[in-house]
């Protein structure tokens, strides 16, 4: 098949492998099941308040208690999965003058990190439609992650009421 001036040799096993990567959601469900926030005691407390704990509750409480560890871990996992998807989408695509080697895993991983950080050097970029679609998803996830980093960093350096009073007094000495 010809795509954007190059040849794309589509393989069904690449599509199946890409779809199977989306099963990473099961690891999140396992984490919820064995998490501290999903014990019998937690479920009783939640039931007392008329609330059923689920995946989103566990993620929110993890983000409240240790935001940087959770965000870094989530960005790493998403980057690796997205790099594998981009690699399986872009590897069969060839055209004249192709300097981008998506067969080497660290090249699509680099592209994912650069895209998630919203830097976008342009040294590696997807050329197939599915690769571009994945790149847009990576960019959106990256914008959300960077925004969350900024919010959590701001909360980290925010004064509590006692510190605020002391800093105001010290400013007007």
N, C-alpha and C. Protein backbone atom coordinates (compact mmCIF):
# COMPACT_ATOMS: atom_id res chain seq x y z
N UNK A 1 0.84 -1.16 0.00
CA UNK A 1 0.00 0.00 0.00
C UNK A 1 0.90 1.24 0.00
N UNK A 2 0.53 2.23 -0.80
CA UNK A 2 1.28 3.49 -0.85
C UNK A 2 0.65 4.47 0.13
N UNK A 3 1.49 5.09 0.94
CA UNK A 3 1.00 6.04 1.94
C UNK A 3 1.99 7.18 2.05
N UNK A 4 1.53 8.39 1.71
CA UNK A 4 2.34 9.60 1.84
C UNK A 4 3.70 9.48 1.15
N UNK A 5 3.72 8.93 -0.04
CA UNK A 5 4.94 8.84 -0.82
C UNK A 5 5.85 7.68 -0.44
N UNK A 6 5.43 6.79 0.40
CA UNK A 6 6.25 5.65 0.81
C UNK A 6 5.44 4.38 0.77
N UNK A 7 6.10 3.28 0.98
CA UNK A 7 5.45 1.98 0.98
C UNK A 7 5.16 1.53 2.40
N UNK A 8 3.97 1.06 2.62
CA UNK A 8 3.55 0.57 3.93
C UNK A 8 3.15 -0.89 3.76
N UNK A 9 3.94 -1.77 4.36
CA UNK A 9 3.65 -3.20 4.32
C UNK A 9 2.94 -3.57 5.61
N UNK A 10 1.63 -3.59 5.54
CA UNK A 10 0.81 -3.81 6.72
C UNK A 10 0.80 -5.29 7.09
N UNK A 11 0.97 -5.55 8.38
CA UNK A 11 0.90 -6.91 8.89
C UNK A 11 -0.17 -6.97 9.97
N UNK A 12 -0.97 -8.01 9.92
CA UNK A 12 -2.05 -8.16 10.89
C UNK A 12 -1.50 -8.35 12.30
N UNK A 13 -0.36 -9.02 12.44
CA UNK A 13 0.19 -9.26 13.78
C UNK A 13 0.60 -7.95 14.45
N UNK A 14 0.97 -6.93 13.67
CA UNK A 14 1.28 -5.62 14.26
C UNK A 14 0.03 -4.99 14.88
N UNK A 15 -1.09 -5.11 14.15
CA UNK A 15 -2.34 -4.57 14.67
C UNK A 15 -2.79 -5.32 15.92
N UNK A 16 -2.65 -6.62 15.91
CA UNK A 16 -3.03 -7.43 17.07
C UNK A 16 -2.13 -7.10 18.27
N UNK A 17 -0.82 -6.94 18.01
CA UNK A 17 0.12 -6.59 19.09
C UNK A 17 -0.20 -5.22 19.67
N UNK A 18 -0.57 -4.28 18.79
CA UNK A 18 -0.93 -2.94 19.26
C UNK A 18 -2.18 -2.99 20.13
N UNK A 19 -3.17 -3.72 19.70
CA UNK A 19 -4.40 -3.84 20.50
C UNK A 19 -4.14 -4.56 21.81
N UNK A 20 -3.24 -5.53 21.80
CA UNK A 20 -2.96 -6.26 23.04
C UNK A 20 -2.23 -5.38 24.06
N UNK A 21 -1.53 -4.34 23.60
CA UNK A 21 -0.86 -3.43 24.53
C UNK A 21 -1.87 -2.64 25.37
N UNK A 22 -3.06 -2.49 24.85
CA UNK A 22 -4.07 -1.74 25.58
C UNK A 22 -4.60 -2.51 26.79
N UNK A 23 -4.18 -3.76 26.94
CA UNK A 23 -4.58 -4.55 28.10
C UNK A 23 -3.85 -4.13 29.37
N UNK A 24 -3.00 -3.14 29.28
CA UNK A 24 -2.27 -2.66 30.46
C UNK A 24 -3.26 -2.16 31.51
N UNK A 25 -4.48 -1.87 31.07
CA UNK A 25 -5.53 -1.46 31.99
C UNK A 25 -5.76 -2.52 33.08
N UNK A 26 -5.52 -3.77 32.76
CA UNK A 26 -5.71 -4.84 33.75
C UNK A 26 -4.72 -4.71 34.90
N UNK A 27 -3.52 -4.20 34.63
CA UNK A 27 -2.56 -3.97 35.71
C UNK A 27 -3.06 -2.90 36.66
N UNK A 28 -3.72 -1.88 36.12
CA UNK A 28 -4.29 -0.83 36.98
C UNK A 28 -5.39 -1.42 37.86
N UNK A 29 -6.19 -2.28 37.30
CA UNK A 29 -7.25 -2.91 38.10
C UNK A 29 -6.67 -3.81 39.18
N UNK A 30 -5.58 -4.52 38.86
CA UNK A 30 -4.92 -5.35 39.89
C UNK A 30 -4.35 -4.48 41.00
N UNK A 31 -3.76 -3.35 40.62
CA UNK A 31 -3.22 -2.44 41.63
C UNK A 31 -4.32 -1.95 42.55
N UNK A 32 -5.46 -1.62 41.98
CA UNK A 32 -6.59 -1.17 42.80
C UNK A 32 -7.01 -2.26 43.76
N UNK A 33 -7.09 -3.47 43.27
CA UNK A 33 -7.56 -4.57 44.10
C UNK A 33 -6.65 -4.84 45.29
N UNK A 34 -5.34 -4.69 45.10
CA UNK A 34 -4.38 -4.97 46.16
C UNK A 34 -3.84 -3.71 46.83
N UNK A 35 -4.44 -2.60 46.58
CA UNK A 35 -3.95 -1.33 47.12
C UNK A 35 -4.40 -1.13 48.57
N UNK A 36 -3.71 -0.24 49.25
CA UNK A 36 -4.06 0.13 50.63
C UNK A 36 -5.44 0.81 50.66
N UNK A 37 -5.80 1.46 49.56
CA UNK A 37 -7.04 2.22 49.50
C UNK A 37 -8.23 1.36 49.14
N UNK A 38 -8.06 0.05 49.09
CA UNK A 38 -9.16 -0.83 48.71
C UNK A 38 -9.29 -2.00 49.68
N UNK A 39 -8.88 -1.80 50.92
CA UNK A 39 -8.98 -2.86 51.93
C UNK A 39 -10.41 -2.96 52.43
N UNK A 40 -10.66 -3.97 53.26
CA UNK A 40 -12.01 -4.16 53.82
C UNK A 40 -12.38 -2.97 54.70
N UNK A 41 -11.40 -2.47 55.47
CA UNK A 41 -11.66 -1.31 56.33
C UNK A 41 -12.02 -0.08 55.51
N UNK A 42 -11.30 0.14 54.42
CA UNK A 42 -11.59 1.27 53.54
C UNK A 42 -12.98 1.14 52.93
N UNK A 43 -13.33 -0.07 52.54
CA UNK A 43 -14.64 -0.27 51.95
C UNK A 43 -15.76 -0.02 52.96
N UNK A 44 -15.53 -0.38 54.23
CA UNK A 44 -16.53 -0.10 55.27
C UNK A 44 -16.69 1.40 55.49
N UNK A 45 -15.58 2.11 55.53
CA UNK A 45 -15.65 3.57 55.71
C UNK A 45 -16.36 4.21 54.53
N UNK A 46 -16.04 3.77 53.33
CA UNK A 46 -16.69 4.32 52.14
C UNK A 46 -18.19 4.00 52.14
N UNK A 47 -18.52 2.79 52.57
CA UNK A 47 -19.93 2.40 52.61
C UNK A 47 -20.70 3.25 53.62
N UNK A 48 -20.03 3.60 54.73
CA UNK A 48 -20.65 4.45 55.75
C UNK A 48 -21.02 5.82 55.17
N UNK A 49 -20.21 6.30 54.24
CA UNK A 49 -20.46 7.60 53.63
C UNK A 49 -21.21 7.50 52.30
N UNK A 50 -21.66 6.28 51.97
CA UNK A 50 -22.45 6.08 50.76
C UNK A 50 -21.63 6.20 49.48
N UNK A 51 -20.43 5.70 49.53
CA UNK A 51 -19.51 5.82 48.40
C UNK A 51 -18.90 4.46 48.10
N UNK A 52 -18.76 4.13 46.83
CA UNK A 52 -18.13 2.87 46.43
C UNK A 52 -16.75 3.18 45.85
N UNK A 53 -15.68 2.69 46.48
CA UNK A 53 -14.34 2.98 45.96
C UNK A 53 -14.10 2.26 44.63
N UNK A 54 -13.48 2.97 43.70
CA UNK A 54 -13.17 2.39 42.40
C UNK A 54 -11.79 2.84 41.95
N UNK A 55 -11.46 2.60 40.70
CA UNK A 55 -10.14 2.94 40.15
C UNK A 55 -9.85 4.43 40.29
N UNK A 56 -10.81 5.27 39.98
CA UNK A 56 -10.59 6.72 40.03
C UNK A 56 -10.35 7.20 41.45
N UNK A 57 -11.05 6.61 42.42
CA UNK A 57 -10.83 6.96 43.82
C UNK A 57 -9.40 6.62 44.24
N UNK A 58 -8.93 5.43 43.85
CA UNK A 58 -7.58 5.01 44.21
C UNK A 58 -6.54 5.91 43.56
N UNK A 59 -6.73 6.24 42.29
CA UNK A 59 -5.79 7.13 41.61
C UNK A 59 -5.77 8.51 42.26
N UNK A 60 -6.94 9.04 42.59
CA UNK A 60 -6.99 10.37 43.23
C UNK A 60 -6.31 10.37 44.60
N UNK A 61 -6.54 9.33 45.39
CA UNK A 61 -5.90 9.29 46.71
C UNK A 61 -4.40 9.10 46.58
N UNK A 62 -3.97 8.30 45.61
CA UNK A 62 -2.52 8.15 45.37
C UNK A 62 -1.92 9.48 44.94
N UNK A 63 -2.62 10.21 44.08
CA UNK A 63 -2.11 11.51 43.64
C UNK A 63 -2.08 12.52 44.79
N UNK A 64 -2.98 12.39 45.74
CA UNK A 64 -2.97 13.30 46.91
C UNK A 64 -1.83 12.96 47.86
N UNK A 65 -1.54 11.66 48.04
CA UNK A 65 -0.54 11.28 49.04
C UNK A 65 0.88 11.32 48.51
N UNK A 66 1.10 10.91 47.28
CA UNK A 66 2.45 10.94 46.70
C UNK A 66 2.37 11.27 45.21
N UNK A 67 2.13 12.54 44.91
CA UNK A 67 1.84 12.93 43.53
C UNK A 67 3.00 12.74 42.56
N UNK A 68 4.21 13.08 42.95
CA UNK A 68 5.32 13.04 42.00
C UNK A 68 5.69 11.61 41.62
N UNK A 69 5.67 10.71 42.59
CA UNK A 69 5.98 9.31 42.28
C UNK A 69 4.94 8.72 41.33
N UNK A 70 3.68 9.01 41.60
CA UNK A 70 2.60 8.47 40.77
C UNK A 70 2.68 9.05 39.35
N UNK A 71 2.89 10.36 39.23
CA UNK A 71 2.95 10.97 37.91
C UNK A 71 4.15 10.48 37.11
N UNK A 72 5.30 10.37 37.74
CA UNK A 72 6.49 9.89 37.04
C UNK A 72 6.27 8.44 36.59
N UNK A 73 5.73 7.62 37.48
CA UNK A 73 5.47 6.22 37.12
C UNK A 73 4.47 6.14 35.96
N UNK A 74 3.38 6.91 36.05
CA UNK A 74 2.38 6.88 34.99
C UNK A 74 2.95 7.37 33.66
N UNK A 75 3.78 8.42 33.71
CA UNK A 75 4.38 8.92 32.47
C UNK A 75 5.33 7.91 31.86
N UNK A 76 6.07 7.20 32.70
CA UNK A 76 6.99 6.18 32.20
C UNK A 76 6.23 5.03 31.54
N UNK A 77 5.20 4.55 32.20
CA UNK A 77 4.42 3.43 31.66
C UNK A 77 3.74 3.85 30.36
N UNK A 78 3.13 5.02 30.36
CA UNK A 78 2.45 5.50 29.15
C UNK A 78 3.45 5.71 28.02
N UNK A 79 4.64 6.21 28.34
CA UNK A 79 5.66 6.41 27.30
C UNK A 79 6.11 5.10 26.69
N UNK A 80 6.33 4.09 27.51
CA UNK A 80 6.78 2.80 26.98
C UNK A 80 5.69 2.16 26.13
N UNK A 81 4.45 2.18 26.60
CA UNK A 81 3.35 1.59 25.83
C UNK A 81 3.15 2.36 24.53
N UNK A 82 3.17 3.70 24.61
CA UNK A 82 3.00 4.50 23.39
C UNK A 82 4.16 4.28 22.43
N UNK A 83 5.38 4.13 22.94
CA UNK A 83 6.53 3.88 22.07
C UNK A 83 6.39 2.54 21.37
N UNK A 84 5.88 1.54 22.07
CA UNK A 84 5.66 0.24 21.43
C UNK A 84 4.59 0.33 20.35
N UNK A 85 3.54 1.13 20.60
CA UNK A 85 2.49 1.32 19.59
C UNK A 85 3.05 2.04 18.38
N UNK A 86 3.80 3.12 18.61
CA UNK A 86 4.38 3.87 17.50
C UNK A 86 5.35 2.99 16.73
N UNK A 87 6.14 2.22 17.44
CA UNK A 87 7.09 1.33 16.77
C UNK A 87 6.38 0.32 15.88
N UNK A 88 5.31 -0.28 16.37
CA UNK A 88 4.60 -1.26 15.55
C UNK A 88 3.87 -0.62 14.39
N UNK A 89 3.50 0.66 14.52
CA UNK A 89 2.83 1.37 13.42
C UNK A 89 3.83 1.85 12.37
N UNK A 90 4.98 2.31 12.80
CA UNK A 90 5.93 2.96 11.89
C UNK A 90 6.98 2.02 11.32
N UNK A 91 7.25 0.92 11.96
CA UNK A 91 8.31 0.04 11.49
C UNK A 91 8.07 -0.51 10.08
N UNK A 92 6.84 -0.89 9.70
CA UNK A 92 6.66 -1.41 8.35
C UNK A 92 6.67 -0.33 7.26
N UNK A 93 6.71 0.94 7.63
CA UNK A 93 6.64 2.03 6.65
C UNK A 93 8.04 2.38 6.16
N UNK A 94 8.25 2.37 4.86
CA UNK A 94 9.55 2.72 4.29
C UNK A 94 9.34 3.70 3.14
N UNK A 95 10.28 4.62 3.01
CA UNK A 95 10.30 5.52 1.87
C UNK A 95 11.73 5.94 1.62
N UNK A 96 11.98 6.51 0.45
CA UNK A 96 13.34 6.90 0.09
C UNK A 96 13.84 8.00 1.01
N UNK A 97 15.05 7.86 1.50
CA UNK A 97 15.65 8.87 2.37
C UNK A 97 15.17 8.79 3.80
N UNK A 98 14.72 7.62 4.25
CA UNK A 98 14.22 7.47 5.61
C UNK A 98 15.39 7.31 6.58
N UNK A 99 15.69 8.38 7.31
CA UNK A 99 16.76 8.32 8.30
C UNK A 99 16.23 7.89 9.67
N UNK A 100 14.93 7.87 9.81
CA UNK A 100 14.34 7.53 11.10
C UNK A 100 14.22 6.01 11.22
N UNK A 101 14.88 5.47 12.21
CA UNK A 101 14.84 4.03 12.42
C UNK A 101 13.93 3.74 13.60
N UNK A 102 12.67 3.45 13.30
CA UNK A 102 11.73 3.13 14.37
C UNK A 102 11.83 1.68 14.80
N UNK A 103 12.69 0.90 14.17
CA UNK A 103 12.91 -0.47 14.60
C UNK A 103 13.73 -0.53 15.87
N UNK A 104 14.57 0.47 16.08
CA UNK A 104 15.36 0.59 17.31
C UNK A 104 14.45 1.22 18.36
N UNK A 105 14.17 0.53 19.46
CA UNK A 105 13.12 0.92 20.41
C UNK A 105 13.33 2.30 21.02
N UNK A 106 14.56 2.71 21.24
CA UNK A 106 14.78 3.98 21.93
C UNK A 106 14.44 5.20 21.06
N UNK A 107 14.34 5.03 19.74
CA UNK A 107 13.93 6.15 18.90
C UNK A 107 12.45 6.50 19.09
N UNK A 108 11.51 5.53 19.03
CA UNK A 108 10.13 5.90 19.34
C UNK A 108 9.93 6.30 20.81
N UNK A 109 10.74 5.73 21.70
CA UNK A 109 10.65 6.14 23.10
C UNK A 109 11.09 7.59 23.26
N UNK A 110 12.15 7.98 22.57
CA UNK A 110 12.60 9.37 22.58
C UNK A 110 11.52 10.28 22.02
N UNK A 111 10.90 9.85 20.91
CA UNK A 111 9.83 10.65 20.33
C UNK A 111 8.68 10.85 21.32
N UNK A 112 8.35 9.79 22.08
CA UNK A 112 7.26 9.89 23.06
C UNK A 112 7.64 10.84 24.20
N UNK A 113 8.87 10.76 24.70
CA UNK A 113 9.29 11.66 25.78
C UNK A 113 9.28 13.11 25.32
N UNK A 114 9.79 13.36 24.14
CA UNK A 114 9.84 14.72 23.60
C UNK A 114 8.42 15.25 23.36
N UNK A 115 7.55 14.40 22.87
CA UNK A 115 6.16 14.80 22.63
C UNK A 115 5.41 15.04 23.93
N UNK A 116 5.62 14.17 24.93
CA UNK A 116 4.94 14.35 26.21
C UNK A 116 5.41 15.61 26.93
N UNK A 117 6.66 15.96 26.75
CA UNK A 117 7.19 17.18 27.37
C UNK A 117 6.81 18.42 26.57
N UNK A 118 6.09 18.24 25.48
CA UNK A 118 5.66 19.30 24.57
C UNK A 118 6.83 20.11 24.03
N UNK A 119 7.98 19.46 23.86
CA UNK A 119 9.15 20.12 23.29
C UNK A 119 9.10 20.02 21.77
N UNK A 120 8.98 18.80 21.26
CA UNK A 120 8.82 18.59 19.83
C UNK A 120 10.01 19.00 19.00
N UNK A 121 11.13 18.32 19.15
CA UNK A 121 12.33 18.64 18.36
C UNK A 121 12.11 18.41 16.87
N UNK A 122 11.36 17.41 16.50
CA UNK A 122 11.11 17.12 15.10
C UNK A 122 12.11 16.16 14.48
N UNK A 123 13.03 15.62 15.29
CA UNK A 123 13.98 14.66 14.74
C UNK A 123 13.34 13.31 14.46
N UNK A 124 12.34 12.93 15.25
CA UNK A 124 11.56 11.72 15.01
C UNK A 124 10.09 12.09 15.05
N UNK A 125 9.38 11.68 14.02
CA UNK A 125 7.96 11.96 13.96
C UNK A 125 7.27 10.85 13.18
N UNK A 126 6.03 10.54 13.51
CA UNK A 126 5.32 9.45 12.83
C UNK A 126 4.84 9.90 11.44
N UNK A 127 4.80 8.95 10.52
CA UNK A 127 4.36 9.24 9.16
C UNK A 127 3.08 8.51 8.78
N UNK A 128 2.72 7.48 9.51
CA UNK A 128 1.47 6.78 9.21
C UNK A 128 0.33 7.43 9.99
N UNK A 129 -0.87 7.19 9.54
CA UNK A 129 -2.03 7.80 10.18
C UNK A 129 -2.20 7.31 11.62
N UNK A 130 -2.04 6.02 11.84
CA UNK A 130 -2.17 5.48 13.19
C UNK A 130 -1.05 5.99 14.10
N UNK A 131 0.15 6.13 13.55
CA UNK A 131 1.26 6.70 14.33
C UNK A 131 1.01 8.15 14.70
N UNK A 132 0.45 8.91 13.76
CA UNK A 132 0.12 10.32 14.05
C UNK A 132 -0.99 10.43 15.09
N UNK A 133 -1.99 9.56 14.97
CA UNK A 133 -3.08 9.55 15.94
C UNK A 133 -2.53 9.25 17.34
N UNK A 134 -1.60 8.29 17.41
CA UNK A 134 -0.96 7.97 18.69
C UNK A 134 -0.16 9.17 19.19
N UNK A 135 0.51 9.88 18.29
CA UNK A 135 1.27 11.07 18.67
C UNK A 135 0.39 12.16 19.25
N UNK A 136 -0.79 12.34 18.70
CA UNK A 136 -1.73 13.34 19.25
C UNK A 136 -2.16 12.93 20.65
N UNK A 137 -2.44 11.65 20.85
CA UNK A 137 -2.80 11.16 22.18
C UNK A 137 -1.67 11.36 23.18
N UNK A 138 -0.44 11.09 22.73
CA UNK A 138 0.73 11.29 23.60
C UNK A 138 0.86 12.76 23.98
N UNK A 139 0.63 13.64 23.01
CA UNK A 139 0.73 15.07 23.28
C UNK A 139 -0.32 15.52 24.31
N UNK A 140 -1.54 15.04 24.16
CA UNK A 140 -2.60 15.42 25.12
C UNK A 140 -2.29 14.90 26.52
N UNK A 141 -1.84 13.65 26.61
CA UNK A 141 -1.48 13.09 27.91
C UNK A 141 -0.31 13.86 28.50
N UNK A 142 0.63 14.24 27.66
CA UNK A 142 1.77 15.03 28.13
C UNK A 142 1.37 16.39 28.66
N UNK A 143 0.44 17.06 27.98
CA UNK A 143 -0.02 18.37 28.46
C UNK A 143 -0.70 18.23 29.82
N UNK A 144 -1.52 17.20 29.97
CA UNK A 144 -2.19 16.98 31.25
C UNK A 144 -1.17 16.68 32.34
N UNK A 145 -0.18 15.84 32.03
CA UNK A 145 0.83 15.47 33.02
C UNK A 145 1.68 16.67 33.44
N UNK A 146 2.10 17.48 32.48
CA UNK A 146 2.89 18.67 32.80
C UNK A 146 2.06 19.64 33.64
N UNK A 147 0.79 19.78 33.30
CA UNK A 147 -0.09 20.66 34.09
C UNK A 147 -0.22 20.15 35.53
N UNK A 148 -0.37 18.83 35.69
CA UNK A 148 -0.47 18.27 37.04
C UNK A 148 0.82 18.47 37.81
N UNK A 149 1.97 18.33 37.13
CA UNK A 149 3.25 18.59 37.80
C UNK A 149 3.30 20.02 38.33
N UNK A 150 2.86 20.97 37.52
CA UNK A 150 2.88 22.38 37.94
C UNK A 150 1.95 22.60 39.12
N UNK A 151 0.77 22.01 39.08
CA UNK A 151 -0.19 22.17 40.18
C UNK A 151 0.37 21.58 41.47
N UNK A 152 0.93 20.37 41.40
CA UNK A 152 1.46 19.74 42.61
C UNK A 152 2.69 20.47 43.13
N UNK A 153 3.50 21.00 42.24
CA UNK A 153 4.66 21.77 42.67
C UNK A 153 4.22 23.06 43.36
N UNK A 154 3.19 23.68 42.82
CA UNK A 154 2.65 24.90 43.45
C UNK A 154 2.09 24.59 44.83
N UNK A 155 1.40 23.48 44.98
CA UNK A 155 0.87 23.10 46.28
C UNK A 155 1.99 22.77 47.26
N UNK A 156 3.09 22.25 46.76
CA UNK A 156 4.22 21.90 47.61
C UNK A 156 4.88 23.14 48.21
N UNK A 157 4.97 24.21 47.44
CA UNK A 157 5.66 25.41 47.93
C UNK A 157 4.71 26.43 48.56
N UNK A 158 3.42 26.11 48.61
CA UNK A 158 2.45 27.03 49.21
C UNK A 158 2.61 27.04 50.73
N UNK A 159 2.51 28.24 51.31
CA UNK A 159 2.61 28.39 52.76
C UNK A 159 1.35 27.90 53.46
N UNK A 160 1.54 27.29 54.65
CA UNK A 160 0.37 27.03 55.48
C UNK A 160 0.06 28.33 56.23
N UNK A 161 -1.07 28.43 56.95
CA UNK A 161 -1.43 29.71 57.57
C UNK A 161 -0.36 30.28 58.53
N UNK A 162 0.29 29.43 59.31
CA UNK A 162 1.31 29.93 60.24
C UNK A 162 2.51 30.47 59.47
N UNK A 163 2.95 29.74 58.46
CA UNK A 163 4.07 30.21 57.65
C UNK A 163 3.73 31.51 56.94
N UNK A 164 2.49 31.64 56.51
CA UNK A 164 2.05 32.86 55.84
C UNK A 164 2.16 34.06 56.76
N UNK A 165 1.70 33.92 58.01
CA UNK A 165 1.78 35.01 58.98
C UNK A 165 3.22 35.42 59.24
N UNK A 166 4.10 34.41 59.40
CA UNK A 166 5.51 34.70 59.66
C UNK A 166 6.15 35.40 58.47
N UNK A 167 5.85 34.94 57.27
CA UNK A 167 6.47 35.56 56.10
C UNK A 167 5.99 36.99 55.90
N UNK A 168 4.73 37.26 56.18
CA UNK A 168 4.22 38.62 56.06
C UNK A 168 4.90 39.53 57.08
N UNK A 169 5.07 39.04 58.30
CA UNK A 169 5.74 39.85 59.34
C UNK A 169 7.19 40.12 58.96
N UNK A 170 7.85 39.09 58.42
CA UNK A 170 9.25 39.27 58.05
C UNK A 170 9.41 40.22 56.85
N UNK A 171 8.44 40.25 55.98
CA UNK A 171 8.51 41.15 54.82
C UNK A 171 8.41 42.61 55.24
N UNK A 172 7.68 42.89 56.31
CA UNK A 172 7.45 44.27 56.72
C UNK A 172 8.30 44.68 57.93
N UNK A 173 9.46 44.08 58.10
CA UNK A 173 10.38 44.49 59.18
C UNK A 173 11.16 45.72 58.81
